[in-house]
PDB file of N, CA and C in Angstrom:
ATOM      1  N   UNK A   1       4.132   9.952 -21.900  1.00  0.00           N
ATOM      2  CA  UNK A   1       3.649   9.698 -21.256  1.00  0.00           C
ATOM      3  C   UNK A   1       3.543   8.668 -20.015  1.00  0.00           C
ATOM      4  N   UNK A   2       3.653   7.804 -20.302  1.00  0.00           N
ATOM      5  CA  UNK A   2       4.327   6.764 -19.346  1.00  0.00           C
ATOM      6  C   UNK A   2       5.080   6.744 -18.924  1.00  0.00           C
ATOM      7  N   UNK A   3       6.433   7.353 -19.095  1.00  0.00           N
ATOM      8  CA  UNK A   3       7.554   7.236 -18.451  1.00  0.00           C
ATOM      9  C   UNK A   3       7.582   8.563 -17.565  1.00  0.00           C
ATOM     10  N   UNK A   4       6.813  10.157 -18.061  1.00  0.00           N
ATOM     11  CA  UNK A   4       6.559  10.746 -16.891  1.00  0.00           C
ATOM     12  C   UNK A   4       6.126  10.295 -16.122  1.00  0.00           C
ATOM     13  N   UNK A   5       4.864   9.398 -15.987  1.00  0.00           N
ATOM     14  CA  UNK A   5       3.997   9.112 -15.248  1.00  0.00           C
ATOM     15  C   UNK A   5       4.594   8.177 -13.966  1.00  0.00           C
ATOM     16  N   UNK A   6       5.666   7.315 -14.723  1.00  0.00           N
ATOM     17  CA  UNK A   6       6.286   6.972 -13.860  1.00  0.00           C
ATOM     18  C   UNK A   6       7.904   6.928 -12.638  1.00  0.00           C
ATOM     19  N   UNK A   7       8.000   8.529 -13.493  1.00  0.00           N
ATOM     20  CA  UNK A   7       9.408   9.396 -13.213  1.00  0.00           C
ATOM     21  C   UNK A   7       8.012  10.026 -11.967  1.00  0.00           C
ATOM     22  N   UNK A   8       6.915  11.090 -11.789  1.00  0.00           N
ATOM     23  CA  UNK A   8       6.274  11.033 -10.655  1.00  0.00           C
ATOM     24  C   UNK A   8       6.203   9.964  -9.831  1.00  0.00           C
ATOM     25  N   UNK A   9       5.202   8.976  -9.578  1.00  0.00           N
ATOM     26  CA  UNK A   9       5.347   8.206  -9.006  1.00  0.00           C
ATOM     27  C   UNK A   9       6.608   7.875  -8.104  1.00  0.00           C
ATOM     28  N   UNK A  10       7.521   7.318  -8.997  1.00  0.00           N
ATOM     29  CA  UNK A  10       8.724   7.170  -7.774  1.00  0.00           C
ATOM     30  C   UNK A  10       9.385   8.205  -7.243  1.00  0.00           C
ATOM     31  N   UNK A  11       9.305   9.367  -7.442  1.00  0.00           N
ATOM     32  CA  UNK A  11       9.689  10.336  -6.927  1.00  0.00           C
ATOM     33  C   UNK A  11       9.342  11.505  -5.898  1.00  0.00           C
ATOM     34  N   UNK A  12       7.476  11.116  -6.421  1.00  0.00           N
ATOM     35  CA  UNK A  12       6.781  11.845  -5.176  1.00  0.00           C
ATOM     36  C   UNK A  12       6.764  11.726  -3.384  1.00  0.00           C
ATOM     37  N   UNK A  13       6.874  12.128  -2.721  1.00  0.00           N
ATOM     38  CA  UNK A  13       7.697  12.305  -1.392  1.00  0.00           C
ATOM     39  C   UNK A  13       6.360  11.844  -1.056  1.00  0.00           C
ATOM     40  N   UNK A  14       4.915  11.711  -1.192  1.00  0.00           N
ATOM     41  CA  UNK A  14       4.204  11.128  -0.822  1.00  0.00           C
ATOM     42  C   UNK A  14       4.327   9.237  -1.309  1.00  0.00           C
ATOM     43  N   UNK A  15       4.085   8.507   0.352  1.00  0.00           N
ATOM     44  CA  UNK A  15       3.821   7.787  -0.302  1.00  0.00           C
ATOM     45  C   UNK A  15       3.150   6.571  -0.542  1.00  0.00           C
ATOM     46  N   UNK A  16       3.428   5.826  -1.609  1.00  0.00           N
ATOM     47  CA  UNK A  16       1.978   5.119  -2.607  1.00  0.00           C
ATOM     48  C   UNK A  16       2.833   4.247  -2.986  1.00  0.00           C
ATOM     49  N   UNK A  17       1.873   3.112  -3.111  1.00  0.00           N
ATOM     50  CA  UNK A  17       1.770   1.622  -3.878  1.00  0.00           C
ATOM     51  C   UNK A  17       0.563   1.212  -4.033  1.00  0.00           C
ATOM     52  N   UNK A  18       1.304   0.447  -5.391  1.00  0.00           N
ATOM     53  CA  UNK A  18      -0.351  -0.069  -6.054  1.00  0.00           C
ATOM     54  C   UNK A  18      -0.221  -1.108  -5.822  1.00  0.00           C
ATOM     55  N   UNK A  19      -1.670  -2.090  -5.669  1.00  0.00           N
ATOM     56  CA  UNK A  19      -2.048  -3.510  -5.494  1.00  0.00           C
ATOM     57  C   UNK A  19      -2.798  -3.972  -6.273  1.00  0.00           C
ATOM     58  N   UNK A  20      -2.549  -5.142  -6.789  1.00  0.00           N
ATOM     59  CA  UNK A  20      -3.839  -5.861  -8.029  1.00  0.00           C
ATOM     60  C   UNK A  20      -5.439  -6.001  -6.908  1.00  0.00           C
ATOM     61  N   UNK A  21      -5.920  -5.405  -7.287  1.00  0.00           N
ATOM     62  CA  UNK A  21      -7.213  -5.573  -6.354  1.00  0.00           C
ATOM     63  C   UNK A  21      -7.835  -7.342  -6.798  1.00  0.00           C
ATOM     64  N   UNK A  22      -7.233  -7.676  -7.537  1.00  0.00           N
ATOM     65  CA  UNK A  22      -7.841  -9.275  -7.795  1.00  0.00           C
ATOM     66  C   UNK A  22      -7.051 -10.059  -6.804  1.00  0.00           C
ATOM     67  N   UNK A  23      -5.662  -9.727  -6.229  1.00  0.00           N
ATOM     68  CA  UNK A  23      -4.531 -10.417  -5.450  1.00  0.00           C
ATOM     69  C   UNK A  23      -4.280 -10.325  -4.880  1.00  0.00           C
ATOM     70  N   UNK A  24      -4.764  -8.524  -4.347  1.00  0.00           N
ATOM     71  CA  UNK A  24      -3.923  -8.319  -3.203  1.00  0.00           C
ATOM     72  C   UNK A  24      -2.389  -7.998  -3.704  1.00  0.00           C
ATOM     73  N   UNK A  25      -1.621  -8.524  -4.440  1.00  0.00           N
ATOM     74  CA  UNK A  25      -0.110  -8.674  -4.510  1.00  0.00           C
ATOM     75  C   UNK A  25      -0.059  -6.958  -4.981  1.00  0.00           C
ATOM     76  N   UNK A  26       0.862  -6.270  -4.072  1.00  0.00           N
ATOM     77  CA  UNK A  26       1.564  -4.890  -4.209  1.00  0.00           C
ATOM     78  C   UNK A  26       2.658  -5.416  -5.323  1.00  0.00           C
ATOM     79  N   UNK A  27       1.934  -4.670  -6.684  1.00  0.00           N
ATOM     80  CA  UNK A  27       2.996  -4.105  -7.943  1.00  0.00           C
ATOM     81  C   UNK A  27       3.967  -3.901  -8.254  1.00  0.00           C
ATOM     82  N   UNK A  28       3.641  -2.415  -6.884  1.00  0.00           N
ATOM     83  CA  UNK A  28       4.803  -1.311  -7.529  1.00  0.00           C
ATOM     84  C   UNK A  28       4.444  -0.072  -6.245  1.00  0.00           C
ATOM     85  N   UNK A  29       5.476   0.010  -5.524  1.00  0.00           N
ATOM     86  CA  UNK A  29       5.674   0.883  -4.345  1.00  0.00           C
ATOM     87  C   UNK A  29       6.937   1.895  -4.869  1.00  0.00           C
ATOM     88  N   UNK A  30       6.691   3.079  -3.966  1.00  0.00           N
ATOM     89  CA  UNK A  30       7.624   4.116  -4.606  1.00  0.00           C
ATOM     90  C   UNK A  30       8.182   4.369  -3.599  1.00  0.00           C
ATOM     91  N   UNK A  31       9.421   5.207  -3.751  1.00  0.00           N
ATOM     92  CA  UNK A  31      10.931   5.313  -3.213  1.00  0.00           C
ATOM     93  C   UNK A  31      10.097   5.634  -1.427  1.00  0.00           C
ATOM     94  N   UNK A  32       8.897   7.294  -1.011  1.00  0.00           N
ATOM     95  CA  UNK A  32       8.332   7.370   0.109  1.00  0.00           C
ATOM     96  C   UNK A  32       8.081   5.656   0.998  1.00  0.00           C
ATOM     97  N   UNK A  33       7.099   5.052   0.040  1.00  0.00           N
ATOM     98  CA  UNK A  33       6.636   4.311   1.098  1.00  0.00           C
ATOM     99  C   UNK A  33       7.935   3.160   1.342  1.00  0.00           C
ATOM    100  N   UNK A  34       8.805   2.967   0.877  1.00  0.00           N
ATOM    101  CA  UNK A  34       9.567   1.874   1.105  1.00  0.00           C
ATOM    102  C   UNK A  34      10.172   2.034   2.713  1.00  0.00           C
ATOM    103  N   UNK A  35      10.129   3.819   2.439  1.00  0.00           N
ATOM    104  CA  UNK A  35      11.456   4.675   3.125  1.00  0.00           C
ATOM    105  C   UNK A  35      10.360   4.261   5.004  1.00  0.00           C
ATOM    106  N   UNK A  36       8.796   5.091   4.171  1.00  0.00           N
ATOM    107  CA  UNK A  36       7.715   4.951   5.615  1.00  0.00           C
ATOM    108  C   UNK A  36       7.779   3.653   5.778  1.00  0.00           C
ATOM    109  N   UNK A  37       7.574   2.539   4.953  1.00  0.00           N
ATOM    110  CA  UNK A  37       6.990   1.519   5.909  1.00  0.00           C
ATOM    111  C   UNK A  37       8.315   0.178   6.331  1.00  0.00           C
ATOM    112  N   UNK A  38       9.319   0.985   5.910  1.00  0.00           N
ATOM    113  CA  UNK A  38      11.298   0.029   6.319  1.00  0.00           C
ATOM    114  C   UNK A  38      11.056  -0.884   5.487  1.00  0.00           C
ATOM    115  N   UNK A  39      10.680  -0.980   4.360  1.00  0.00           N
ATOM    116  CA  UNK A  39      10.954  -2.339   3.779  1.00  0.00           C
ATOM    117  C   UNK A  39      11.612  -2.108   2.526  1.00  0.00           C
ATOM    118  N   UNK A  40      12.665  -2.433   2.085  1.00  0.00           N
ATOM    119  CA  UNK A  40      13.618  -2.721   0.561  1.00  0.00           C
ATOM    120  C   UNK A  40      12.167  -2.795  -0.311  1.00  0.00           C
ATOM    121  N   UNK A  41      12.953  -2.558  -1.892  1.00  0.00           N
ATOM    122  CA  UNK A  41      11.569  -2.471  -2.440  1.00  0.00           C
ATOM    123  C   UNK A  41      11.240  -4.119  -3.145  1.00  0.00           C
ATOM    124  N   UNK A  42      12.411  -4.643  -3.329  1.00  0.00           N
ATOM    125  CA  UNK A  42      12.228  -6.268  -3.192  1.00  0.00           C
ATOM    126  C   UNK A  42      11.138  -6.558  -2.374  1.00  0.00           C
ATOM    127  N   UNK A  43      11.476  -6.522  -0.763  1.00  0.00           N
ATOM    128  CA  UNK A  43      10.315  -7.226  -0.189  1.00  0.00           C
ATOM    129  C   UNK A  43       9.010  -6.457  -0.131  1.00  0.00           C
ATOM    130  N   UNK A  44       9.384  -5.341  -0.716  1.00  0.00           N
ATOM    131  CA  UNK A  44       7.838  -4.758  -0.458  1.00  0.00           C
ATOM    132  C   UNK A  44       7.397  -5.022  -1.821  1.00  0.00           C
ATOM    133  N   UNK A  45       7.628  -5.441  -2.481  1.00  0.00           N
ATOM    134  CA  UNK A  45       6.861  -6.020  -3.926  1.00  0.00           C
ATOM    135  C   UNK A  45       6.324  -7.920  -4.184  1.00  0.00           C
ATOM    136  N   UNK A  46       7.056  -7.890  -2.687  1.00  0.00           N
ATOM    137  CA  UNK A  46       6.445  -9.246  -1.914  1.00  0.00           C
ATOM    138  C   UNK A  46       5.236  -9.511  -1.468  1.00  0.00           C
ATOM    139  N   UNK A  47       5.038  -8.611  -0.770  1.00  0.00           N
ATOM    140  CA  UNK A  47       4.311  -8.422   0.283  1.00  0.00           C
ATOM    141  C   UNK A  47       2.379  -8.116  -0.541  1.00  0.00           C
ATOM    142  N   UNK A  48       1.489  -8.194   0.400  1.00  0.00           N
ATOM    143  CA  UNK A  48       0.419  -8.430  -0.455  1.00  0.00           C
ATOM    144  C   UNK A  48      -0.287  -7.126   0.296  1.00  0.00           C
ATOM    145  N   UNK A  49      -1.280  -6.229   0.192  1.00  0.00           N
ATOM    146  CA  UNK A  49      -1.618  -5.211   0.865  1.00  0.00           C
ATOM    147  C   UNK A  49      -2.756  -6.073   1.986  1.00  0.00           C
ATOM    148  N   UNK A  50      -2.530  -7.244   2.238  1.00  0.00           N
ATOM    149  CA  UNK A  50      -3.886  -7.677   3.514  1.00  0.00           C
ATOM    150  C   UNK A  50      -1.987  -7.030   4.332  1.00  0.00           C
ATOM    151  N   UNK A  51      -0.958  -7.519   3.846  1.00  0.00           N
ATOM    152  CA  UNK A  51      -0.058  -7.516   4.932  1.00  0.00           C
ATOM    153  C   UNK A  51       0.158  -6.495   5.934  1.00  0.00           C
ATOM    154  N   UNK A  52      -0.293  -5.717   4.755  1.00  0.00           N
ATOM    155  CA  UNK A  52       0.036  -4.245   5.772  1.00  0.00           C
ATOM    156  C   UNK A  52      -1.111  -3.343   6.800  1.00  0.00           C
ATOM    157  N   UNK A  53      -2.068  -4.614   6.634  1.00  0.00           N
ATOM    158  CA  UNK A  53      -3.683  -4.345   7.096  1.00  0.00           C
ATOM    159  C   UNK A  53      -2.833  -4.685   8.673  1.00  0.00           C
ATOM    160  N   UNK A  54      -3.667  -4.395  10.111  1.00  0.00           N
ATOM    161  CA  UNK A  54      -3.072  -4.664  11.160  1.00  0.00           C
ATOM    162  C   UNK A  54      -4.334  -5.630  11.024  1.00  0.00           C
ATOM    163  N   UNK A  55      -4.103  -6.306  11.710  1.00  0.00           N
ATOM    164  CA  UNK A  55      -5.566  -7.917  12.110  1.00  0.00           C
ATOM    165  C   UNK A  55      -6.834  -7.639  12.358  1.00  0.00           C
ATOM    166  N   UNK A  56      -7.065  -7.134  13.045  1.00  0.00           N
ATOM    167  CA  UNK A  56      -8.471  -6.290  13.112  1.00  0.00           C
ATOM    168  C   UNK A  56      -9.021  -5.192  11.867  1.00  0.00           C
ATOM    169  N   UNK A  57      -7.924  -4.461  11.001  1.00  0.00           N
ATOM    170  CA  UNK A  57      -8.544  -4.296   9.993  1.00  0.00           C
ATOM    171  C   UNK A  57      -9.081  -5.089   8.868  1.00  0.00           C
ATOM    172  N   UNK A  58      -7.670  -6.376   8.248  1.00  0.00           N
ATOM    173  CA  UNK A  58      -8.471  -6.813   7.645  1.00  0.00           C
ATOM    174  C   UNK A  58      -9.435  -6.916   7.694  1.00  0.00           C
ATOM    175  N   UNK A  59     -10.279  -7.873   7.673  1.00  0.00           N
ATOM    176  CA  UNK A  59     -11.679  -7.733   7.667  1.00  0.00           C
ATOM    177  C   UNK A  59     -12.617  -6.772   7.019  1.00  0.00           C
ATOM    178  N   UNK A  60     -12.337  -5.960   7.156  1.00  0.00           N
ATOM    179  CA  UNK A  60     -13.267  -4.713   6.587  1.00  0.00           C
ATOM    180  C   UNK A  60     -12.876  -3.851   5.501  1.00  0.00           C
ATOM    181  N   UNK A  61     -10.991  -4.508   5.518  1.00  0.00           N
ATOM    182  CA  UNK A  61     -10.364  -3.588   4.437  1.00  0.00           C
ATOM    183  C   UNK A  61     -10.779  -5.020   2.969  1.00  0.00           C
ATOM    184  N   UNK A  62     -10.995  -5.974   3.476  1.00  0.00           N
ATOM    185  CA  UNK A  62     -11.579  -6.574   2.398  1.00  0.00           C
ATOM    186  C   UNK A  62     -13.059  -6.376   1.924  1.00  0.00           C
ATOM    187  N   UNK A  63     -14.136  -6.559   2.705  1.00  0.00           N
ATOM    188  CA  UNK A  63     -15.288  -5.868   2.653  1.00  0.00           C
ATOM    189  C   UNK A  63     -15.368  -4.882   2.039  1.00  0.00           C
ATOM    190  N   UNK A  64     -14.885  -3.575   2.087  1.00  0.00           N
ATOM    191  CA  UNK A  64     -14.349  -2.224   0.750  1.00  0.00           C
ATOM    192  C   UNK A  64     -14.159  -2.548  -0.370  1.00  0.00           C
ATOM    193  N   UNK A  65     -13.059  -3.262  -0.523  1.00  0.00           N
ATOM    194  CA  UNK A  65     -12.770  -4.183  -2.198  1.00  0.00           C
ATOM    195  C   UNK A  65     -13.764  -4.658  -2.635  1.00  0.00           C
ATOM    196  N   UNK A  66     -14.482  -5.198  -2.185  1.00  0.00           N
ATOM    197  CA  UNK A  66     -15.784  -6.231  -2.297  1.00  0.00           C
ATOM    198  C   UNK A  66     -17.001  -5.206  -2.955  1.00  0.00           C
ATOM    199  N   UNK A  67     -16.936  -4.251  -1.710  1.00  0.00           N
ATOM    200  CA  UNK A  67     -18.052  -3.966  -2.201  1.00  0.00           C
ATOM    201  C   UNK A  67     -17.960  -2.602  -3.292  1.00  0.00           C
ATOM    202  N   UNK A  68     -17.017  -2.228  -3.246  1.00  0.00           N
ATOM    203  CA  UNK A  68     -16.739  -0.905  -4.384  1.00  0.00           C
ATOM    204  C   UNK A  68     -16.321  -1.425  -5.377  1.00  0.00           C
ATOM    205  N   UNK A  69     -15.616  -1.912  -5.404  1.00  0.00           N
ATOM    206  CA  UNK A  69     -14.307  -2.736  -6.256  1.00  0.00           C
ATOM    207  C   UNK A  69     -13.572  -1.539  -6.535  1.00  0.00           C
ATOM    208  N   UNK A  70     -13.042  -0.480  -5.633  1.00  0.00           N
ATOM    209  CA  UNK A  70     -11.413  -0.416  -5.511  1.00  0.00           C
ATOM    210  C   UNK A  70     -11.570   0.461  -4.194  1.00  0.00           C
ATOM    211  N   UNK A  71     -10.395   0.739  -3.540  1.00  0.00           N
ATOM    212  CA  UNK A  71     -10.126   1.034  -2.195  1.00  0.00           C
ATOM    213  C   UNK A  71     -10.251   2.767  -2.300  1.00  0.00           C
ATOM    214  N   UNK A  72     -10.909   3.777  -1.559  1.00  0.00           N
ATOM    215  CA  UNK A  72     -11.208   5.179  -1.897  1.00  0.00           C
ATOM    216  C   UNK A  72     -11.260   5.442  -0.376  1.00  0.00           C
ATOM    217  N   UNK A  73      -9.909   5.410   0.605  1.00  0.00           N
ATOM    218  CA  UNK A  73     -10.539   5.557   2.023  1.00  0.00           C
ATOM    219  C   UNK A  73     -10.758   6.885   2.060  1.00  0.00           C
ATOM    220  N   UNK A  74     -11.842   7.119   3.388  1.00  0.00           N
ATOM    221  CA  UNK A  74     -12.437   8.204   3.663  1.00  0.00           C
ATOM    222  C   UNK A  74     -11.947   8.880   5.257  1.00  0.00           C
ATOM    223  N   UNK A  75     -11.350   7.592   5.415  1.00  0.00           N
ATOM    224  CA  UNK A  75     -10.506   8.100   6.760  1.00  0.00           C
ATOM    225  C   UNK A  75      -9.485   7.601   7.106  1.00  0.00           C
ATOM    226  N   UNK A  76      -8.742   7.781   8.161  1.00  0.00           N
ATOM    227  CA  UNK A  76      -7.133   7.302   8.593  1.00  0.00           C
ATOM    228  C   UNK A  76      -7.022   6.091   9.112  1.00  0.00           C
ATOM    229  N   UNK A  77      -6.723   5.065   7.899  1.00  0.00           N
ATOM    230  CA  UNK A  77      -6.517   3.591   8.696  1.00  0.00           C
ATOM    231  C   UNK A  77      -5.143   3.349   9.493  1.00  0.00           C
ATOM    232  N   UNK A  78      -4.902   2.501   9.719  1.00  0.00           N
ATOM    233  CA  UNK A  78      -3.519   1.993  10.166  1.00  0.00           C
ATOM    234  C   UNK A  78      -3.094   1.105   9.466  1.00  0.00           C
ATOM    235  N   UNK A  79      -1.779   1.008   8.878  1.00  0.00           N
ATOM    236  CA  UNK A  79      -0.687   0.005   8.467  1.00  0.00           C
ATOM    237  C   UNK A  79       0.470  -0.279   9.766  1.00  0.00           C
ATOM    238  N   UNK A  80       0.585  -1.212   8.725  1.00  0.00           N
ATOM    239  CA  UNK A  80       1.707  -1.759   9.104  1.00  0.00           C
ATOM    240  C   UNK A  80       3.265  -1.817   8.817  1.00  0.00           C
ATOM    241  N   UNK A  81       4.004  -1.030   9.848  1.00  0.00           N
ATOM    242  CA  UNK A  81       5.475  -0.793   8.957  1.00  0.00           C
ATOM    243  C   UNK A  81       6.814  -2.452   9.547  1.00  0.00           C
ATOM    244  N   UNK A  82       7.683  -2.459   8.798  1.00  0.00           N
ATOM    245  CA  UNK A  82       8.151  -3.640   8.450  1.00  0.00           C
ATOM    246  C   UNK A  82       8.481  -3.638  10.397  1.00  0.00           C
ATOM    247  N   UNK A  83       9.098  -2.941  11.035  1.00  0.00           N
ATOM    248  CA  UNK A  83       8.815  -2.939  12.243  1.00  0.00           C
ATOM    249  C   UNK A  83       8.004  -3.399  13.184  1.00  0.00           C
ATOM    250  N   UNK A  84       6.633  -3.606  12.858  1.00  0.00           N
ATOM    251  CA  UNK A  84       5.911  -3.644  13.604  1.00  0.00           C
ATOM    252  C   UNK A  84       5.178  -2.613  14.246  1.00  0.00           C
ATOM    253  N   UNK A  85       5.425  -1.243  13.977  1.00  0.00           N
ATOM    254  CA  UNK A  85       4.583   0.155  14.043  1.00  0.00           C
ATOM    255  C   UNK A  85       3.757   0.029  13.609  1.00  0.00           C
ATOM    256  N   UNK A  86       2.401   1.005  13.638  1.00  0.00           N
ATOM    257  CA  UNK A  86       1.316   1.277  13.749  1.00  0.00           C
ATOM    258  C   UNK A  86       1.474   2.495  13.039  1.00  0.00           C
ATOM    259  N   UNK A  87       1.365   2.762  11.636  1.00  0.00           N
ATOM    260  CA  UNK A  87       1.343   3.830  10.798  1.00  0.00           C
ATOM    261  C   UNK A  87       0.221   4.511  10.317  1.00  0.00           C
ATOM    262  N   UNK A  88      -0.665   5.834  10.468  1.00  0.00           N
ATOM    263  CA  UNK A  88      -1.795   6.337  10.561  1.00  0.00           C
ATOM    264  C   UNK A  88      -1.807   6.819   9.199  1.00  0.00           C
ATOM    265  N   UNK A  89      -2.951   6.286   7.729  1.00  0.00           N
ATOM    266  CA  UNK A  89      -2.263   6.714   6.580  1.00  0.00           C
ATOM    267  C   UNK A  89      -3.790   7.463   6.418  1.00  0.00           C
TER     268      UNK A  89
END
C-alpha cells in the first residue's frame, strides 16, 4: 500500500507538501508543488513550512499549529513562491 500512496502523492495534479509539525521541516513535496512554487525538489526539501509563509502570516500559522496540533486550513492563505510571488492557497 505504501508504494501506491507514494505514487498517488507524487502524481497528483494538486500541489501538496508535507512537513514535520515539530520542526516545520518540509519532508516531501510532489511535482505539482515544485512546479507551482518554483523550487526544485532538493531546494524544496531544504525549506521549512515557515519559509513559505509571508512575513505577516508566520505568527498566525505557528499559533494555529500550536493550538490544534495539525494544520487544517479553513480559509485561503497566501504562500510565497521562489520568485517572491504570493500564491493564494
